[in-house]
C-alpha atoms as a PDB file:
ATOM      1  CA  MET A   1     171.215 -10.292 120.602  1.00  0.00           C
ATOM      2  CA  THR A   2     169.814  -6.877 121.508  1.00  0.00           C
ATOM      3  CA  ILE A   3     171.213  -4.214 119.172  1.00  0.00           C
ATOM      4  CA  LEU A   4     169.977  -1.080 120.942  1.00  0.00           C
ATOM      5  CA  THR A   5     170.771  -0.119 124.496  1.00  0.00           C
ATOM      6  CA  ALA A   6     167.934   0.736 126.874  1.00  0.00           C
ATOM      7  CA  VAL A   7     168.700   4.454 126.487  1.00  0.00           C
ATOM      8  CA  GLU A   8     168.749   4.227 122.686  1.00  0.00           C
ATOM      9  CA  THR A   9     165.421   2.395 122.671  1.00  0.00           C
ATOM     10  CA  LYS A  10     163.912   5.072 124.915  1.00  0.00           C
ATOM     11  CA  ILE A  11     165.113   7.843 122.589  1.00  0.00           C
ATOM     12  CA  ALA A  12     163.620   6.111 119.555  1.00  0.00           C
ATOM     13  CA  LEU A  13     160.281   5.437 121.232  1.00  0.00           C
ATOM     14  CA  GLU A  14     160.113   8.986 122.613  1.00  0.00           C
ATOM     15  CA  LEU A  15     160.447  10.323 119.078  1.00  0.00           C
ATOM     16  CA  PHE A  16     158.126   7.955 117.260  1.00  0.00           C
ATOM     17  CA  GLU A  17     155.665   6.317 119.693  1.00  0.00           C
ATOM     18  CA  SER A  18     152.841   7.758 121.808  1.00  0.00           C
ATOM     19  CA  GLY A  19     150.093   5.816 123.552  1.00  0.00           C
ATOM     20  CA  GLY A  20     150.640   2.764 121.346  1.00  0.00           C
ATOM     21  CA  HIS A  21     150.518   4.827 118.138  1.00  0.00           C
ATOM     22  CA  VAL A  22     153.501   5.489 115.900  1.00  0.00           C
ATOM     23  CA  LEU A  23     153.470   9.014 114.482  1.00  0.00           C
ATOM     24  CA  ASP A  24     150.230   9.410 112.488  1.00  0.00           C
ATOM     25  CA  PHE A  25     150.224   5.989 110.833  1.00  0.00           C
ATOM     26  CA  SER A  26     147.019   4.014 110.424  1.00  0.00           C
ATOM     27  CA  ASN A  27     147.243   0.216 110.489  1.00  0.00           C
ATOM     28  CA  ALA A  28     147.300   0.094 106.698  1.00  0.00           C
ATOM     29  CA  THR A  29     149.887   2.845 106.186  1.00  0.00           C
ATOM     30  CA  TYR A  30     152.068   1.421 108.975  1.00  0.00           C
ATOM     31  CA  ALA A  31     152.122  -1.996 107.303  1.00  0.00           C
ATOM     32  CA  ALA A  32     152.871  -0.426 103.917  1.00  0.00           C
ATOM     33  CA  PHE A  33     155.648   1.732 105.383  1.00  0.00           C
ATOM     34  CA  PHE A  34     157.521  -1.269 106.810  1.00  0.00           C
ATOM     35  CA  ARG A  35     157.054  -3.282 103.630  1.00  0.00           C
ATOM     36  CA  SER A  36     158.429  -0.522 101.423  1.00  0.00           C
ATOM     37  CA  GLU A  37     161.273   0.563 103.721  1.00  0.00           C
ATOM     38  CA  VAL A  38     162.634  -2.738 105.074  1.00  0.00           C
ATOM     39  CA  GLY A  39     160.578  -5.486 103.423  1.00  0.00           C
ATOM     40  CA  VAL A  40     159.069  -6.590 106.745  1.00  0.00           C
ATOM     41  CA  GLY A  41     155.513  -7.606 107.590  1.00  0.00           C
ATOM     42  CA  ILE A  42     155.257  -5.665 110.829  1.00  0.00           C
ATOM     43  CA  TYR A  43     151.893  -7.315 111.603  1.00  0.00           C
ATOM     44  CA  ASP A  44     153.423 -10.805 111.581  1.00  0.00           C
ATOM     45  CA  ASP A  45     153.070 -12.640 114.893  1.00  0.00           C
ATOM     46  CA  ALA A  46     156.823 -12.410 115.411  1.00  0.00           C
ATOM     47  CA  TYR A  47     156.426  -8.708 116.205  1.00  0.00           C
ATOM     48  CA  ALA A  48     153.588  -9.176 118.708  1.00  0.00           C
ATOM     49  CA  ILE A  49     155.746 -10.450 121.571  1.00  0.00           C
ATOM     50  CA  TYR A  50     155.021  -7.337 123.675  1.00  0.00           C
ATOM     51  CA  GLY A  51     151.514  -6.619 122.412  1.00  0.00           C
ATOM     52  CA  THR A  52     149.636  -5.791 119.236  1.00  0.00           C
ATOM     53  CA  SER A  53     149.782  -1.984 119.150  1.00  0.00           C
ATOM     54  CA  LYS A  54     151.975  -0.230 116.613  1.00  0.00           C
ATOM     55  CA  GLY A  55     154.277   0.996 119.397  1.00  0.00           C
ATOM     56  CA  LYS A  56     154.711  -2.496 120.871  1.00  0.00           C
ATOM     57  CA  ARG A  57     155.479  -3.902 117.426  1.00  0.00           C
ATOM     58  CA  LEU A  58     158.112  -1.213 116.876  1.00  0.00           C
ATOM     59  CA  ARG A  59     159.807  -2.187 120.140  1.00  0.00           C
ATOM     60  CA  ALA A  60     159.774  -5.839 119.050  1.00  0.00           C
ATOM     61  CA  PHE A  61     161.281  -4.872 115.689  1.00  0.00           C
ATOM     62  CA  PHE A  62     164.152  -3.135 117.476  1.00  0.00           C
ATOM     63  CA  GLU A  63     164.907  -6.383 119.292  1.00  0.00           C
ATOM     64  CA  LYS A  64     164.544  -8.785 116.376  1.00  0.00           C
ATOM     65  CA  ALA A  65     165.915  -6.897 113.366  1.00  0.00           C
ATOM     66  CA  GLN A  66     169.488  -6.756 112.144  1.00  0.00           C
ATOM     67  CA  PRO A  67     171.468  -3.499 112.460  1.00  0.00           C
ATOM     68  CA  ALA A  68     170.893  -2.577 108.810  1.00  0.00           C
ATOM     69  CA  GLY A  69     167.123  -2.911 109.208  1.00  0.00           C
ATOM     70  CA  ILE A  70     167.037  -0.889 112.425  1.00  0.00           C
ATOM     71  CA  ARG A  71     169.241   1.794 110.861  1.00  0.00           C
ATOM     72  CA  LYS A  72     166.971   2.038 107.835  1.00  0.00           C
ATOM     73  CA  ILE A  73     163.719   2.213 109.774  1.00  0.00           C
ATOM     74  CA  LEU A  74     165.084   4.833 112.197  1.00  0.00           C
ATOM     75  CA  SER A  75     166.263   7.030 109.318  1.00  0.00           C
ATOM     76  CA  SER A  76     162.945   6.635 107.488  1.00  0.00           C
ATOM     77  CA  LEU A  77     160.855   7.355 110.581  1.00  0.00           C
ATOM     78  CA  TRP A  78     162.921  10.473 111.258  1.00  0.00           C
ATOM     79  CA  ALA A  79     162.405  11.717 107.701  1.00  0.00           C
ATOM     80  CA  TYR A  80     158.669  11.020 108.005  1.00  0.00           C
ATOM     81  CA  ARG A  81     158.461  12.865 111.340  1.00  0.00           C
ATOM     82  CA  GLN A  82     160.222  15.927 109.958  1.00  0.00           C
ATOM     83  CA  THR A  83     157.903  15.942 106.937  1.00  0.00           C
ATOM     84  CA  MET A  84     154.898  15.923 109.297  1.00  0.00           C
ATOM     85  CA  PHE A  85     156.162  19.020 111.091  1.00  0.00           C
ATOM     86  CA  ARG A  86     157.054  20.861 107.891  1.00  0.00           C
ATOM     87  CA  ILE A  87     153.530  20.248 106.607  1.00  0.00           C
ATOM     88  CA  SER A  88     151.886  21.391 109.837  1.00  0.00           C
ATOM     89  CA  GLY A  89     154.100  24.479 110.060  1.00  0.00           C
ATOM     90  CA  GLU A  90     154.949  23.667 113.679  1.00  0.00           C
ATOM     91  CA  THR A  91     158.343  23.327 115.325  1.00  0.00           C
ATOM     92  CA  ASP A  92     159.293  19.810 116.390  1.00  0.00           C
ATOM     93  CA  PRO A  93     159.411  19.973 120.219  1.00  0.00           C
ATOM     94  CA  LEU A  94     161.875  17.038 120.262  1.00  0.00           C
ATOM     95  CA  ILE A  95     164.230  18.333 117.574  1.00  0.00           C
ATOM     96  CA  ASP A  96     167.162  18.153 120.016  1.00  0.00           C
ATOM     97  CA  LEU A  97     166.748  14.367 120.257  1.00  0.00           C
ATOM     98  CA  GLY A  98     167.583  14.233 116.561  1.00  0.00           C
ATOM     99  CA  THR A  99     171.262  14.627 117.477  1.00  0.00           C
ATOM    100  CA  ASP A 100     171.098  11.530 119.674  1.00  0.00           C
ATOM    101  CA  LEU A 101     169.203   9.599 117.002  1.00  0.00           C
ATOM    102  CA  SER A 102     171.740  10.641 114.367  1.00  0.00           C
ATOM    103  CA  ALA A 103     174.572   9.330 116.552  1.00  0.00           C
ATOM    104  CA  LEU A 104     172.698   6.038 116.890  1.00  0.00           C
ATOM    105  CA  VAL A 105     172.231   5.730 113.119  1.00  0.00           C
ATOM    106  CA  VAL A 106     175.946   6.386 112.612  1.00  0.00           C
ATOM    107  CA  ARG A 107     176.802   3.737 115.236  1.00  0.00           C
ATOM    108  CA  LEU A 108     174.744   1.269 113.212  1.00  0.00           C
ATOM    109  CA  GLY A 109     176.738   2.067 110.074  1.00  0.00           C
ATOM    110  CA  GLY A 110     174.573   4.764 108.505  1.00  0.00           C
ATOM    111  CA  GLN A 111     175.030   8.370 107.453  1.00  0.00           C
ATOM    112  CA  PRO A 112     174.243  11.261 109.845  1.00  0.00           C
ATOM    113  CA  LEU A 113     170.661  12.463 109.761  1.00  0.00           C
ATOM    114  CA  THR A 114     169.714  15.852 108.342  1.00  0.00           C
ATOM    115  CA  LEU A 115     169.168  18.131 111.330  1.00  0.00           C
ATOM    116  CA  SER A 116     169.635  21.615 109.930  1.00  0.00           C
ATOM    117  CA  VAL A 117     166.283  22.062 108.181  1.00  0.00           C
ATOM    118  CA  ARG A 118     164.336  25.058 109.474  1.00  0.00           C
ATOM    119  CA  LEU A 119     160.936  23.808 110.484  1.00  0.00           C
ATOM    120  CA  ARG A 120     159.330  27.249 110.759  1.00  0.00           C
ATOM    121  CA  PRO A 121     159.901  30.381 108.715  1.00  0.00           C
ATOM    122  CA  ALA A 122     161.898  33.062 110.485  1.00  0.00           C
ATOM    123  CA  SER A 123     158.832  35.282 110.495  1.00  0.00           C
ATOM    124  CA  GLN A 124     155.159  34.716 109.832  1.00  0.00           C
ATOM    125  CA  PRO A 125     153.329  37.012 107.405  1.00  0.00           C
ATOM    126  CA  LYS A 126     151.454  39.735 109.199  1.00  0.00           C
ATOM    127  CA  GLU A 127     147.739  39.048 109.370  1.00  0.00           C
ATOM    128  CA  GLU A 128     145.262  41.598 108.102  1.00  0.00           C
ATOM    129  CA  PRO A 129     142.838  42.968 110.741  1.00  0.00           C
ATOM    130  CA  VAL A 130     139.812  40.698 111.156  1.00  0.00           C
ATOM    131  CA  ASP A 131     136.308  41.868 112.076  1.00  0.00           C
ATOM    132  CA  HIS A 132     135.780  39.641 115.111  1.00  0.00           C
ATOM    133  CA  ALA A 133     132.628  41.518 116.106  1.00  0.00           C
ATOM    134  CA  GLY A 134     131.135  41.039 112.648  1.00  0.00           C
ATOM    135  CA  LEU A 135     131.840  37.312 112.774  1.00  0.00           C
ATOM    136  CA  MET A 136     130.284  37.101 116.239  1.00  0.00           C
ATOM    137  CA  ALA A 137     127.166  38.839 114.919  1.00  0.00           C
ATOM    138  CA  ALA A 138     127.022  36.424 111.979  1.00  0.00           C
ATOM    139  CA  LEU A 139     127.257  33.473 114.381  1.00  0.00           C
ATOM    140  CA  SER A 140     124.385  34.919 116.410  1.00  0.00           C
ATOM    141  CA  GLU A 141     122.306  35.096 113.236  1.00  0.00           C
ATOM    142  CA  VAL A 142     122.943  31.408 112.609  1.00  0.00           C
ATOM    143  CA  MET A 143     121.827  30.631 116.169  1.00  0.00           C
ATOM    144  CA  ALA A 144     118.492  32.355 115.524  1.00  0.00           C
ATOM    145  CA  LEU A 145     117.601  30.180 112.511  1.00  0.00           C
ATOM    146  CA  ASP A 146     115.271  27.193 112.493  1.00  0.00           C
ATOM    147  CA  PRO A 147     117.004  23.780 112.656  1.00  0.00           C
ATOM    148  CA  GLN A 148     116.550  22.871 108.978  1.00  0.00           C
ATOM    149  CA  PRO A 149     118.379  25.834 107.387  1.00  0.00           C
ATOM    150  CA  ARG A 150     120.800  26.235 110.283  1.00  0.00           C
ATOM    151  CA  GLY A 151     123.219  23.477 109.245  1.00  0.00           C
ATOM    152  CA  PHE A 152     123.923  24.958 105.820  1.00  0.00           C
ATOM    153  CA  ALA A 153     124.115  28.447 107.306  1.00  0.00           C
ATOM    154  CA  PHE A 154     126.677  27.181 109.814  1.00  0.00           C
ATOM    155  CA  GLU A 155     128.852  25.798 107.005  1.00  0.00           C
ATOM    156  CA  ARG A 156     128.639  29.164 105.197  1.00  0.00           C
ATOM    157  CA  PHE A 157     129.620  30.955 108.416  1.00  0.00           C
ATOM    158  CA  LEU A 158     132.657  28.697 108.852  1.00  0.00           C
ATOM    159  CA  ARG A 159     133.738  29.335 105.279  1.00  0.00           C
ATOM    160  CA  ARG A 160     133.471  33.085 105.891  1.00  0.00           C
ATOM    161  CA  MET A 161     135.503  32.670 109.087  1.00  0.00           C
ATOM    162  CA  PHE A 162     138.291  30.733 107.330  1.00  0.00           C
ATOM    163  CA  ASP A 163     138.366  33.254 104.495  1.00  0.00           C
ATOM    164  CA  ALA A 164     138.724  36.088 107.025  1.00  0.00           C
ATOM    165  CA  TRP A 165     142.115  34.606 107.922  1.00  0.00           C
ATOM    166  CA  GLY A 166     143.068  33.952 104.294  1.00  0.00           C
ATOM    167  CA  LEU A 167     142.808  30.161 104.554  1.00  0.00           C
ATOM    168  CA  ASP A 168     141.431  29.622 101.025  1.00  0.00           C
ATOM    169  CA  ALA A 169     138.266  27.850 102.153  1.00  0.00           C
ATOM    170  CA  ARG A 170     136.281  25.667  99.766  1.00  0.00           C
ATOM    171  CA  GLN A 171     132.638  24.755 100.131  1.00  0.00           C
ATOM    172  CA  ALA A 172     131.207  21.270 100.577  1.00  0.00           C
ATOM    173  CA  PHE A 173     132.048  18.694  97.934  1.00  0.00           C
ATOM    174  CA  ARG A 174     131.140  15.082  97.311  1.00  0.00           C
ATOM    175  CA  ILE A 175     133.329  12.214  96.232  1.00  0.00           C
ATOM    176  CA  VAL A 176     132.305   8.616  95.722  1.00  0.00           C
ATOM    177  CA  GLY A 177     130.687   7.286  98.862  1.00  0.00           C
ATOM    178  CA  GLU A 178     131.126  10.276 101.134  1.00  0.00           C
ATOM    179  CA  GLN A 179     130.414  13.944 101.734  1.00  0.00           C
ATOM    180  CA  ILE A 180     133.076  16.409 102.861  1.00  0.00           C
ATOM    181  CA  ASP A 181     131.754  19.637 104.386  1.00  0.00           C
ATOM    182  CA  GLY A 182     134.621  21.688 102.982  1.00  0.00           C
ATOM    183  CA  SER A 183     138.346  22.262 103.252  1.00  0.00           C
ATOM    184  CA  PHE A 184     140.881  25.003 103.796  1.00  0.00           C
ATOM    185  CA  GLN A 185     144.620  25.440 103.431  1.00  0.00           C
ATOM    186  CA  LEU A 186     146.908  25.971 106.435  1.00  0.00           C
ATOM    187  CA  GLY A 187     150.529  26.248 105.385  1.00  0.00           C
ATOM    188  CA  ASP A 188     151.355  23.147 103.337  1.00  0.00           C
ATOM    189  CA  ALA A 189     148.541  21.141 104.928  1.00  0.00           C
ATOM    190  CA  THR A 190     145.079  20.699 103.442  1.00  0.00           C
ATOM    191  CA  VAL A 191     142.525  20.562 106.271  1.00  0.00           C
ATOM    192  CA  LEU A 192     139.249  18.727 105.678  1.00  0.00           C
ATOM    193  CA  LEU A 193     136.243  20.087 107.533  1.00  0.00           C
ATOM    194  CA  GLU A 194     133.371  18.297 109.223  1.00  0.00           C
ATOM    195  CA  ALA A 195     130.729  20.642 110.656  1.00  0.00           C
ATOM    196  CA  LYS A 196     127.769  19.716 112.871  1.00  0.00           C
ATOM    197  CA  TRP A 197     125.073  21.845 114.439  1.00  0.00           C
ATOM    198  CA  GLN A 198     122.778  19.500 116.308  1.00  0.00           C
ATOM    199  CA  ASN A 199     121.134  19.298 119.703  1.00  0.00           C
ATOM    200  CA  HIS A 200     123.066  16.253 120.896  1.00  0.00           C
ATOM    201  CA  PRO A 201     126.869  15.972 121.254  1.00  0.00           C
ATOM    202  CA  VAL A 202     128.850  14.185 118.569  1.00  0.00           C
ATOM    203  CA  ASP A 203     129.613  10.581 119.517  1.00  0.00           C
ATOM    204  CA  LEU A 204     132.809   8.514 119.338  1.00  0.00           C
ATOM    205  CA  PHE A 205     131.705   6.546 116.267  1.00  0.00           C
ATOM    206  CA  THR A 206     131.238   9.753 114.255  1.00  0.00           C
ATOM    207  CA  LEU A 207     134.672  11.064 115.252  1.00  0.00           C
ATOM    208  CA  GLN A 208     136.367   7.795 114.370  1.00  0.00           C
ATOM    209  CA  GLY A 209     134.616   7.745 111.010  1.00  0.00           C
ATOM    210  CA  PHE A 210     135.873  11.220 110.159  1.00  0.00           C
ATOM    211  CA  GLN A 211     139.393  10.368 111.300  1.00  0.00           C
ATOM    212  CA  GLY A 212     139.314   7.287 109.081  1.00  0.00           C
ATOM    213  CA  ARG A 213     138.429   9.413 106.047  1.00  0.00           C
ATOM    214  CA  VAL A 214     141.280  11.793 106.833  1.00  0.00           C
ATOM    215  CA  GLU A 215     143.747   8.913 107.207  1.00  0.00           C
ATOM    216  CA  ASP A 216     142.736   7.584 103.786  1.00  0.00           C
ATOM    217  CA  ARG A 217     144.131  10.803 102.260  1.00  0.00           C
ATOM    218  CA  PRO A 218     147.797  11.740 101.702  1.00  0.00           C
ATOM    219  CA  THR A 219     149.894  12.400 104.811  1.00  0.00           C
ATOM    220  CA  TRP A 220     149.706  16.183 104.370  1.00  0.00           C
ATOM    221  CA  THR A 221     145.938  16.037 104.970  1.00  0.00           C
ATOM    222  CA  ARG A 222     144.571  17.062 108.377  1.00  0.00           C
ATOM    223  CA  GLY A 223     141.044  17.291 109.786  1.00  0.00           C
ATOM    224  CA  LEU A 224     139.021  19.822 111.769  1.00  0.00           C
ATOM    225  CA  PHE A 225     135.730  18.662 113.305  1.00  0.00           C
ATOM    226  CA  VAL A 226     133.567  21.575 114.454  1.00  0.00           C
ATOM    227  CA  SER A 227     130.534  20.550 116.528  1.00  0.00           C
ATOM    228  CA  TYR A 228     128.584  23.495 117.904  1.00  0.00           C
ATOM    229  CA  GLY A 229     126.889  21.183 120.419  1.00  0.00           C
ATOM    230  CA  GLY A 230     130.164  19.660 121.588  1.00  0.00           C
ATOM    231  CA  PHE A 231     131.206  16.036 121.952  1.00  0.00           C
ATOM    232  CA  SER A 232     129.981  13.230 124.187  1.00  0.00           C
ATOM    233  CA  SER A 233     131.935  12.393 127.334  1.00  0.00           C
ATOM    234  CA  GLU A 234     132.754   8.961 125.892  1.00  0.00           C
ATOM    235  CA  ALA A 235     134.092  10.550 122.725  1.00  0.00           C
ATOM    236  CA  LEU A 236     136.356  12.920 124.650  1.00  0.00           C
ATOM    237  CA  GLN A 237     137.634  10.130 126.902  1.00  0.00           C
ATOM    238  CA  ARG A 238     138.280   7.504 124.240  1.00  0.00           C
ATOM    239  CA  PHE A 239     139.086   9.381 121.037  1.00  0.00           C
ATOM    240  CA  GLN A 240     142.827   9.220 120.352  1.00  0.00           C
ATOM    241  CA  THR A 241     143.544  11.723 117.619  1.00  0.00           C
ATOM    242  CA  ARG A 242     146.170  11.320 114.981  1.00  0.00           C
ATOM    243  CA  ARG A 243     145.389  13.980 112.405  1.00  0.00           C
ATOM    244  CA  VAL A 244     142.136  15.530 113.676  1.00  0.00           C
ATOM    245  CA  ILE A 245     141.496  18.428 116.059  1.00  0.00           C
ATOM    246  CA  LEU A 246     138.142  19.387 117.552  1.00  0.00           C
ATOM    247  CA  MET A 247     136.309  22.651 118.194  1.00  0.00           C
ATOM    248  CA  ASP A 248     132.899  23.312 119.738  1.00  0.00           C
ATOM    249  CA  GLY A 249     130.562  26.279 120.066  1.00  0.00           C
ATOM    250  CA  LEU A 250     132.245  27.480 123.242  1.00  0.00           C
ATOM    251  CA  ASP A 251     135.584  27.583 121.418  1.00  0.00           C
ATOM    252  CA  LEU A 252     134.078  29.686 118.636  1.00  0.00           C
ATOM    253  CA  HIS A 253     132.567  32.200 121.052  1.00  0.00           C
ATOM    254  CA  ASP A 254     135.714  32.360 123.189  1.00  0.00           C
ATOM    255  CA  PHE A 255     138.205  33.015 120.428  1.00  0.00           C
ATOM    256  CA  LEU A 256     135.971  35.557 118.670  1.00  0.00           C
ATOM    257  CA  ASP A 257     135.090  37.348 121.894  1.00  0.00           C
ATOM    258  CA  ARG A 258     138.753  37.538 122.918  1.00  0.00           C
ATOM    259  CA  LYS A 259     139.847  38.564 119.397  1.00  0.00           C
ATOM    260  CA  LEU A 260     142.317  35.704 118.995  1.00  0.00           C
ATOM    261  CA  SER A 261     143.790  34.645 115.671  1.00  0.00           C
ATOM    262  CA  LEU A 262     142.182  31.540 114.174  1.00  0.00           C
ATOM    263  CA  ARG A 263     145.594  30.470 112.880  1.00  0.00           C
ATOM    264  CA  THR A 264     147.012  30.721 116.385  1.00  0.00           C
ATOM    265  CA  VAL A 265     144.104  28.762 117.875  1.00  0.00           C
ATOM    266  CA  ILE A 266     144.426  25.932 115.344  1.00  0.00           C
ATOM    267  CA  SER A 267     148.199  25.783 115.817  1.00  0.00           C
ATOM    268  CA  ALA A 268     147.830  25.636 119.611  1.00  0.00           C
ATOM    269  CA  LYS A 269     145.238  22.868 119.378  1.00  0.00           C
ATOM    270  CA  SER A 270     147.432  20.946 116.908  1.00  0.00           C
ATOM    271  CA  ARG A 271     150.473  21.199 119.127  1.00  0.00           C
ATOM    272  CA  ARG A 272     148.558  20.045 122.212  1.00  0.00           C
ATOM    273  CA  ALA A 273     147.144  17.138 120.188  1.00  0.00           C
ATOM    274  CA  SER A 274     150.668  16.132 119.114  1.00  0.00           C
ATOM    275  CA  GLU A 275     151.896  16.293 122.711  1.00  0.00           C
ATOM    276  CA  THR A 276     148.975  14.506 124.396  1.00  0.00           C
ATOM    277  CA  GLY A 277     146.882  12.695 121.787  1.00  0.00           C
ATOM    278  CA  GLN A 278     143.878  14.800 122.839  1.00  0.00           C
ATOM    279  CA  GLY A 279     141.943  16.214 119.923  1.00  0.00           C
ATOM    280  CA  TYR A 280     139.887  18.550 122.107  1.00  0.00           C
ATOM    281  CA  VAL A 281     141.332  21.103 124.489  1.00  0.00           C
ATOM    282  CA  GLN A 282     139.265  24.208 125.208  1.00  0.00           C
ATOM    283  CA  VAL A 283     140.435  27.550 123.863  1.00  0.00           C
ATOM    284  CA  ARG A 284     140.133  29.015 127.367  1.00  0.00           C
ATOM    285  CA  GLU A 285     142.550  26.357 128.637  1.00  0.00           C
ATOM    286  CA  LEU A 286     145.035  26.956 125.819  1.00  0.00           C
ATOM    287  CA  PHE A 287     144.820  30.744 126.267  1.00  0.00           C
ATOM    288  CA  PRO A 288     144.060  31.406 129.932  1.00  0.00           C
ATOM    289  CA  SER A 289     143.163  35.013 130.621  1.00  0.00           C
END
């Protein structure tokens, strides 16, 4: 017997599913989430009746589970979604659907969901003036270097840029088996950095590898991939971001030339990524003149 109505299923999928993905779960974290929350192996064949993506398996779970299981997973997914937005510092664009979801959870015998949490501070701290022209000059100096020293100089420039906006940047560090080009802090989220200055665009395999490293970290970890030479057409067409946003050399020049806030640029890219699954949207598209 189907527990959820068609409208209720649509509300749940609108909140938690996008393009086959469910929130920012990887395959491993999705499986672990269902095991810990409802004791279900979501990758069992029983949940592949509509397809093998995480979104299709969630739909199948809604049809096969008992009311208590559906109630529990809906409440847990809602709590996870709200945690994601608190960490990113963004406002949940679908917060109003929480009222409908709460009514559904109550219908299934649960307690009302928490809907009153403020997801964004009432006011953001005022930013100190930033020397955009000085940063543009520093970027030009990096451009003039020979290829061998240019990569390290580019990383130093990016650290200076993050520090200009008070993002507590850290230089490159190495852990077992991998190199991280640096990190910075944006609200409650730690953002790992990958930086490339090379003649050819970054390919899909490289992007997926970086996203995999980010997904191996705690859920409050995000990723920023900065490729001065851009990204291949295949990468831009096929890369479905979950926790990673992308910037290229044109983005850097545009936001410095137009004296935009780096915090504002990253937030706009993050929001567009959440809405569309696209990790790369040009600054000039996000902020048309």
